[in-house]
Amino acid sequence: MTLRTAPWNPPSRGDIEAQPAGDRWDGVRVPSLIGERALTLLGADSGAIIADSSGAVWYWLVAPGAASDWTLCRVLSSGSYVAVPPADRRSGFGPHWRVAPAPGRCLTDPDRLHAALLAASRAVKPCQRCDRLTDSPVAVAETHGASNSGRTIYACPQCAPHFPRQPDVLDQVAAGRRALEGRTQ
């Protein structure tokens, strides 16, 4: 479901324009990898999306204030500007329309977008070595602590072979047992 709002149109031709957020819409900024997954989940329910290939980010347009309490992404509202491409710019380097605004399809329903972004972000992990997001994470280590439950460390498929193999817990227990048996003899 997309929301209707007062008429707003991107620049008709020419250059990209920095337009203020918070008046007709707020921009929800997410990494493009999460954006791709979220768009797949939203399908035809998505409103307009600006894709910025130079920064590998996407901007969904939502009603002003609708995403002000979200913590999973950056929300650009009053006092912020978004680089808005001309209406006919649908590809290329820099800002372009991934989903162009159309009558009745400018803003995205914030509840549906939030749910899609949450689901998409659960499937994407940062690589511990190169710090890029990957949608095919490889578990390379587990940390354990006395005061917490520990966590799994992920790497992208390209970096995973560069992590040392973590000893198996059973191997560690067996080695400890062998060490103790050696001391008692």
C-alpha atoms as a PDB file:
ATOM      1  CA  MET A   1       0.000   0.000   0.000  1.00  0.00           C
ATOM      2  CA  THR A   2       1.429   3.372  -0.940  1.00  0.00           C
ATOM      3  CA  LEU A   3       0.293   6.638   0.522  1.00  0.00           C
ATOM      4  CA  ARG A   4      -0.964   9.693  -1.288  1.00  0.00           C
ATOM      5  CA  THR A   5       0.396  13.089  -0.430  1.00  0.00           C
ATOM      6  CA  ALA A   6       0.243  16.629  -1.692  1.00  0.00           C
ATOM      7  CA  PRO A   7       1.544  16.801  -5.270  1.00  0.00           C
ATOM      8  CA  TRP A   8       5.304  16.663  -5.442  1.00  0.00           C
ATOM      9  CA  ASN A   9       7.375  16.011  -8.484  1.00  0.00           C
ATOM     10  CA  PRO A  10      11.091  15.463  -8.863  1.00  0.00           C
ATOM     11  CA  PRO A  11      13.009  17.832 -11.129  1.00  0.00           C
ATOM     12  CA  SER A  12      11.648  17.382 -14.632  1.00  0.00           C
ATOM     13  CA  ARG A  13      14.975  17.612 -16.489  1.00  0.00           C
ATOM     14  CA  GLY A  14      18.525  18.647 -15.971  1.00  0.00           C
ATOM     15  CA  ASP A  15      20.665  18.159 -12.929  1.00  0.00           C
ATOM     16  CA  ILE A  16      20.255  16.465  -9.603  1.00  0.00           C
ATOM     17  CA  GLU A  17      18.821  18.850  -7.011  1.00  0.00           C
ATOM     18  CA  ALA A  18      19.410  18.872  -3.274  1.00  0.00           C
ATOM     19  CA  GLN A  19      15.881  19.014  -1.871  1.00  0.00           C
ATOM     20  CA  PRO A  20      14.920  19.487   1.773  1.00  0.00           C
ATOM     21  CA  ALA A  21      13.558  16.528   3.669  1.00  0.00           C
ATOM     22  CA  GLY A  22      10.877  16.971   6.283  1.00  0.00           C
ATOM     23  CA  ASP A  23       8.461  19.073   4.239  1.00  0.00           C
ATOM     24  CA  ARG A  24       6.717  16.720   1.802  1.00  0.00           C
ATOM     25  CA  TRP A  25       8.635  13.568   2.742  1.00  0.00           C
ATOM     26  CA  ASP A  26      11.422  12.141   4.883  1.00  0.00           C
ATOM     27  CA  GLY A  27      14.159  10.016   3.355  1.00  0.00           C
ATOM     28  CA  VAL A  28      14.899   6.600   4.855  1.00  0.00           C
ATOM     29  CA  ARG A  29      18.539   5.804   4.021  1.00  0.00           C
ATOM     30  CA  VAL A  30      19.648   2.159   3.883  1.00  0.00           C
ATOM     31  CA  PRO A  31      22.587   0.245   2.371  1.00  0.00           C
ATOM     32  CA  SER A  32      21.706  -0.935  -1.127  1.00  0.00           C
ATOM     33  CA  LEU A  33      22.121  -4.620  -0.232  1.00  0.00           C
ATOM     34  CA  ILE A  34      19.421  -4.304   2.440  1.00  0.00           C
ATOM     35  CA  GLY A  35      17.387  -2.158   0.044  1.00  0.00           C
ATOM     36  CA  GLU A  36      17.379  -4.864  -2.636  1.00  0.00           C
ATOM     37  CA  ARG A  37      16.063  -7.433  -0.171  1.00  0.00           C
ATOM     38  CA  ALA A  38      13.460  -5.035   1.243  1.00  0.00           C
ATOM     39  CA  LEU A  39      12.223  -4.111  -2.240  1.00  0.00           C
ATOM     40  CA  THR A  40      11.791  -7.791  -3.044  1.00  0.00           C
ATOM     41  CA  LEU A  41       9.681  -8.157   0.101  1.00  0.00           C
ATOM     42  CA  LEU A  42       7.617  -5.019  -0.615  1.00  0.00           C
ATOM     43  CA  GLY A  43       7.094  -5.628  -4.324  1.00  0.00           C
ATOM     44  CA  ALA A  44       4.373  -3.382  -5.749  1.00  0.00           C
ATOM     45  CA  ASP A  45       3.739  -1.906  -2.281  1.00  0.00           C
ATOM     46  CA  SER A  46       6.906   0.170  -2.514  1.00  0.00           C
ATOM     47  CA  GLY A  47       6.750   3.865  -3.197  1.00  0.00           C
ATOM     48  CA  ALA A  48       9.503   5.876  -4.862  1.00  0.00           C
ATOM     49  CA  ILE A  49      13.143   4.945  -4.185  1.00  0.00           C
ATOM     50  CA  ILE A  50      16.258   6.951  -4.995  1.00  0.00           C
ATOM     51  CA  ALA A  51      19.300   4.728  -5.514  1.00  0.00           C
ATOM     52  CA  ASP A  52      22.717   6.354  -5.154  1.00  0.00           C
ATOM     53  CA  SER A  53      25.277   4.039  -6.698  1.00  0.00           C
ATOM     54  CA  SER A  54      28.189   6.268  -5.688  1.00  0.00           C
ATOM     55  CA  GLY A  55      27.412   5.683  -2.007  1.00  0.00           C
ATOM     56  CA  ALA A  56      25.750   2.265  -2.354  1.00  0.00           C
ATOM     57  CA  VAL A  57      22.657   3.557  -0.536  1.00  0.00           C
ATOM     58  CA  TRP A  58      18.947   3.818  -1.227  1.00  0.00           C
ATOM     59  CA  TYR A  59      16.423   6.386  -0.004  1.00  0.00           C
ATOM     60  CA  TRP A  60      12.766   5.496   0.464  1.00  0.00           C
ATOM     61  CA  LEU A  61      10.374   8.416   0.731  1.00  0.00           C
ATOM     62  CA  VAL A  62       7.933   8.272   3.662  1.00  0.00           C
ATOM     63  CA  ALA A  63       5.536  10.767   5.264  1.00  0.00           C
ATOM     64  CA  PRO A  64       7.332  13.392   7.380  1.00  0.00           C
ATOM     65  CA  GLY A  65       7.849  12.103  10.920  1.00  0.00           C
ATOM     66  CA  ALA A  66       6.622   8.573  10.136  1.00  0.00           C
ATOM     67  CA  ALA A  67      10.054   7.007  10.744  1.00  0.00           C
ATOM     68  CA  SER A  68      11.415   9.389  13.369  1.00  0.00           C
ATOM     69  CA  ASP A  69      11.831   6.690  16.031  1.00  0.00           C
ATOM     70  CA  TRP A  70      13.411   4.023  13.816  1.00  0.00           C
ATOM     71  CA  THR A  71      16.864   2.837  14.848  1.00  0.00           C
ATOM     72  CA  LEU A  72      17.753   0.386  12.097  1.00  0.00           C
ATOM     73  CA  CYS A  73      18.533   3.041   9.481  1.00  0.00           C
ATOM     74  CA  ARG A  74      19.211   6.732   9.097  1.00  0.00           C
ATOM     75  CA  VAL A  75      16.162   8.929   8.639  1.00  0.00           C
ATOM     76  CA  LEU A  76      16.660  12.275   6.920  1.00  0.00           C
ATOM     77  CA  SER A  77      14.078  14.824   8.016  1.00  0.00           C
ATOM     78  CA  SER A  78      13.932  18.581   8.721  1.00  0.00           C
ATOM     79  CA  GLY A  79      17.327  20.177   8.315  1.00  0.00           C
ATOM     80  CA  SER A  80      18.573  17.433   5.962  1.00  0.00           C
ATOM     81  CA  TYR A  81      18.776  17.382   2.192  1.00  0.00           C
ATOM     82  CA  VAL A  82      18.492  14.522  -0.263  1.00  0.00           C
ATOM     83  CA  ALA A  83      19.990  14.510  -3.764  1.00  0.00           C
ATOM     84  CA  VAL A  84      16.903  14.083  -5.960  1.00  0.00           C
ATOM     85  CA  PRO A  85      17.504  13.014  -9.566  1.00  0.00           C
ATOM     86  CA  PRO A  86      15.475  14.285 -12.518  1.00  0.00           C
ATOM     87  CA  ALA A  87      12.313  12.291 -13.276  1.00  0.00           C
ATOM     88  CA  ASP A  88      13.821  10.652 -16.354  1.00  0.00           C
ATOM     89  CA  ARG A  89      17.042   9.447 -14.720  1.00  0.00           C
ATOM     90  CA  ARG A  90      16.451   5.728 -14.128  1.00  0.00           C
ATOM     91  CA  SER A  91      20.019   4.361 -14.196  1.00  0.00           C
ATOM     92  CA  GLY A  92      23.656   5.337 -14.228  1.00  0.00           C
ATOM     93  CA  PHE A  93      26.271   6.382 -11.730  1.00  0.00           C
ATOM     94  CA  GLY A  94      25.137   8.533  -8.822  1.00  0.00           C
ATOM     95  CA  PRO A  95      21.544   9.235  -7.773  1.00  0.00           C
ATOM     96  CA  HIS A  96      18.804   7.797  -9.996  1.00  0.00           C
ATOM     97  CA  TRP A  97      15.301   6.416  -9.518  1.00  0.00           C
ATOM     98  CA  ARG A  98      15.244   2.724  -8.610  1.00  0.00           C
ATOM     99  CA  VAL A  99      11.440   3.078  -8.393  1.00  0.00           C
ATOM    100  CA  ALA A 100      10.250   6.316  -9.952  1.00  0.00           C
ATOM    101  CA  PRO A 101       7.477   8.320  -8.338  1.00  0.00           C
ATOM    102  CA  ALA A 102       4.156   8.114 -10.123  1.00  0.00           C
ATOM    103  CA  PRO A 103       0.633   9.296  -9.368  1.00  0.00           C
ATOM    104  CA  GLY A 104      -0.383   7.393  -6.242  1.00  0.00           C
ATOM    105  CA  ARG A 105       3.117   5.971  -5.795  1.00  0.00           C
ATOM    106  CA  CYS A 106       5.407   8.445  -4.120  1.00  0.00           C
ATOM    107  CA  LEU A 107       5.496   7.627  -0.414  1.00  0.00           C
ATOM    108  CA  THR A 108       5.856   4.126   0.996  1.00  0.00           C
ATOM    109  CA  ASP A 109       3.675   2.919   3.859  1.00  0.00           C
ATOM    110  CA  PRO A 110       6.036   3.242   6.851  1.00  0.00           C
ATOM    111  CA  ASP A 111       4.759   0.138   8.685  1.00  0.00           C
ATOM    112  CA  ARG A 112       5.287  -2.099   5.669  1.00  0.00           C
ATOM    113  CA  LEU A 113       8.675  -0.538   4.947  1.00  0.00           C
ATOM    114  CA  HIS A 114       9.810  -0.972   8.546  1.00  0.00           C
ATOM    115  CA  ALA A 115       8.792  -4.645   8.544  1.00  0.00           C
ATOM    116  CA  ALA A 116      10.563  -5.252   5.211  1.00  0.00           C
ATOM    117  CA  LEU A 117      13.729  -3.485   6.384  1.00  0.00           C
ATOM    118  CA  LEU A 118      13.791  -5.490   9.627  1.00  0.00           C
ATOM    119  CA  ALA A 119      13.435  -8.763   7.730  1.00  0.00           C
ATOM    120  CA  ALA A 120      16.066  -7.727   5.171  1.00  0.00           C
ATOM    121  CA  SER A 121      18.569  -6.594   7.787  1.00  0.00           C
ATOM    122  CA  ARG A 122      18.354  -9.924   9.646  1.00  0.00           C
ATOM    123  CA  ALA A 123      19.614 -11.727   6.536  1.00  0.00           C
ATOM    124  CA  VAL A 124      22.567  -9.388   5.962  1.00  0.00           C
ATOM    125  CA  LYS A 125      25.672  -9.374   8.168  1.00  0.00           C
ATOM    126  CA  PRO A 126      28.839  -7.257   8.186  1.00  0.00           C
ATOM    127  CA  CYS A 127      32.079  -9.046   7.335  1.00  0.00           C
ATOM    128  CA  GLN A 128      34.450  -8.931  10.316  1.00  0.00           C
ATOM    129  CA  ARG A 129      37.462  -8.595   8.005  1.00  0.00           C
ATOM    130  CA  CYS A 130      36.484  -6.151   5.223  1.00  0.00           C
ATOM    131  CA  ASP A 131      33.479  -4.538   6.993  1.00  0.00           C
ATOM    132  CA  ARG A 132      31.258  -4.816   3.894  1.00  0.00           C
ATOM    133  CA  LEU A 133      27.739  -6.173   4.171  1.00  0.00           C
ATOM    134  CA  THR A 134      27.139  -9.640   2.793  1.00  0.00           C
ATOM    135  CA  ASP A 135      23.913 -11.512   2.148  1.00  0.00           C
ATOM    136  CA  SER A 136      25.781 -14.831   2.239  1.00  0.00           C
ATOM    137  CA  PRO A 137      27.596 -14.651   5.592  1.00  0.00           C
ATOM    138  CA  VAL A 138      29.929 -17.442   6.688  1.00  0.00           C
ATOM    139  CA  ALA A 139      30.249 -18.100  10.427  1.00  0.00           C
ATOM    140  CA  VAL A 140      33.996 -18.064  11.113  1.00  0.00           C
ATOM    141  CA  ALA A 141      34.140 -17.963  14.917  1.00  0.00           C
ATOM    142  CA  GLU A 142      32.119 -17.927  18.089  1.00  0.00           C
ATOM    143  CA  THR A 143      33.069 -15.953  21.144  1.00  0.00           C
ATOM    144  CA  HIS A 144      32.069 -16.948  24.634  1.00  0.00           C
ATOM    145  CA  GLY A 145      32.182 -14.868  27.753  1.00  0.00           C
ATOM    146  CA  ALA A 146      31.575 -15.420  31.428  1.00  0.00           C
ATOM    147  CA  SER A 147      29.125 -12.530  31.660  1.00  0.00           C
ATOM    148  CA  ASN A 148      27.338 -12.909  28.312  1.00  0.00           C
ATOM    149  CA  SER A 149      26.129 -15.591  25.991  1.00  0.00           C
ATOM    150  CA  GLY A 150      28.705 -14.861  23.321  1.00  0.00           C
ATOM    151  CA  ARG A 151      28.226 -14.100  19.661  1.00  0.00           C
ATOM    152  CA  THR A 152      28.931 -15.455  16.214  1.00  0.00           C
ATOM    153  CA  ILE A 153      31.481 -13.707  14.022  1.00  0.00           C
ATOM    154  CA  TYR A 154      30.729 -13.585  10.300  1.00  0.00           C
ATOM    155  CA  ALA A 155      32.770 -12.993   7.177  1.00  0.00           C
ATOM    156  CA  CYS A 156      31.900 -12.668   3.510  1.00  0.00           C
ATOM    157  CA  PRO A 157      32.711 -15.698   1.337  1.00  0.00           C
ATOM    158  CA  GLN A 158      35.843 -13.977  -0.035  1.00  0.00           C
ATOM    159  CA  CYS A 159      37.286 -13.236   3.434  1.00  0.00           C
ATOM    160  CA  ALA A 160      36.223 -16.427   5.249  1.00  0.00           C
ATOM    161  CA  PRO A 161      39.237 -18.495   4.071  1.00  0.00           C
ATOM    162  CA  HIS A 162      41.570 -15.922   5.645  1.00  0.00           C
ATOM    163  CA  PHE A 163      40.317 -16.588   9.177  1.00  0.00           C
ATOM    164  CA  PRO A 164      42.167 -19.249  11.159  1.00  0.00           C
ATOM    165  CA  ARG A 165      40.213 -22.417  11.737  1.00  0.00           C
ATOM    166  CA  GLN A 166      38.561 -22.299  15.139  1.00  0.00           C
ATOM    167  CA  PRO A 167      39.302 -25.339  17.280  1.00  0.00           C
ATOM    168  CA  ASP A 168      36.355 -27.614  17.771  1.00  0.00           C
ATOM    169  CA  VAL A 169      34.984 -27.602  21.331  1.00  0.00           C
ATOM    170  CA  LEU A 170      35.269 -31.388  21.514  1.00  0.00           C
ATOM    171  CA  ASP A 171      38.906 -31.161  20.358  1.00  0.00           C
ATOM    172  CA  GLN A 172      39.568 -28.659  23.156  1.00  0.00           C
ATOM    173  CA  VAL A 173      37.924 -30.893  25.785  1.00  0.00           C
ATOM    174  CA  ALA A 174      39.888 -33.930  24.588  1.00  0.00           C
ATOM    175  CA  ALA A 175      43.151 -31.967  24.655  1.00  0.00           C
ATOM    176  CA  GLY A 176      42.386 -30.789  28.199  1.00  0.00           C
ATOM    177  CA  ARG A 177      41.631 -34.331  29.296  1.00  0.00           C
ATOM    178  CA  ARG A 178      44.858 -35.620  27.754  1.00  0.00           C
ATOM    179  CA  ALA A 179      46.784 -32.874  29.545  1.00  0.00           C
ATOM    180  CA  LEU A 180      45.219 -33.757  32.900  1.00  0.00           C
ATOM    181  CA  GLU A 181      45.835 -37.472  32.412  1.00  0.00           C
ATOM    182  CA  GLY A 182      49.479 -36.737  31.612  1.00  0.00           C
ATOM    183  CA  ARG A 183      49.902 -34.771  34.866  1.00  0.00           C
ATOM    184  CA  THR A 184      48.462 -37.517  37.061  1.00  0.00           C
ATOM    185  CA  GLN A 185      50.790 -40.270  35.881  1.00  0.00           C
END
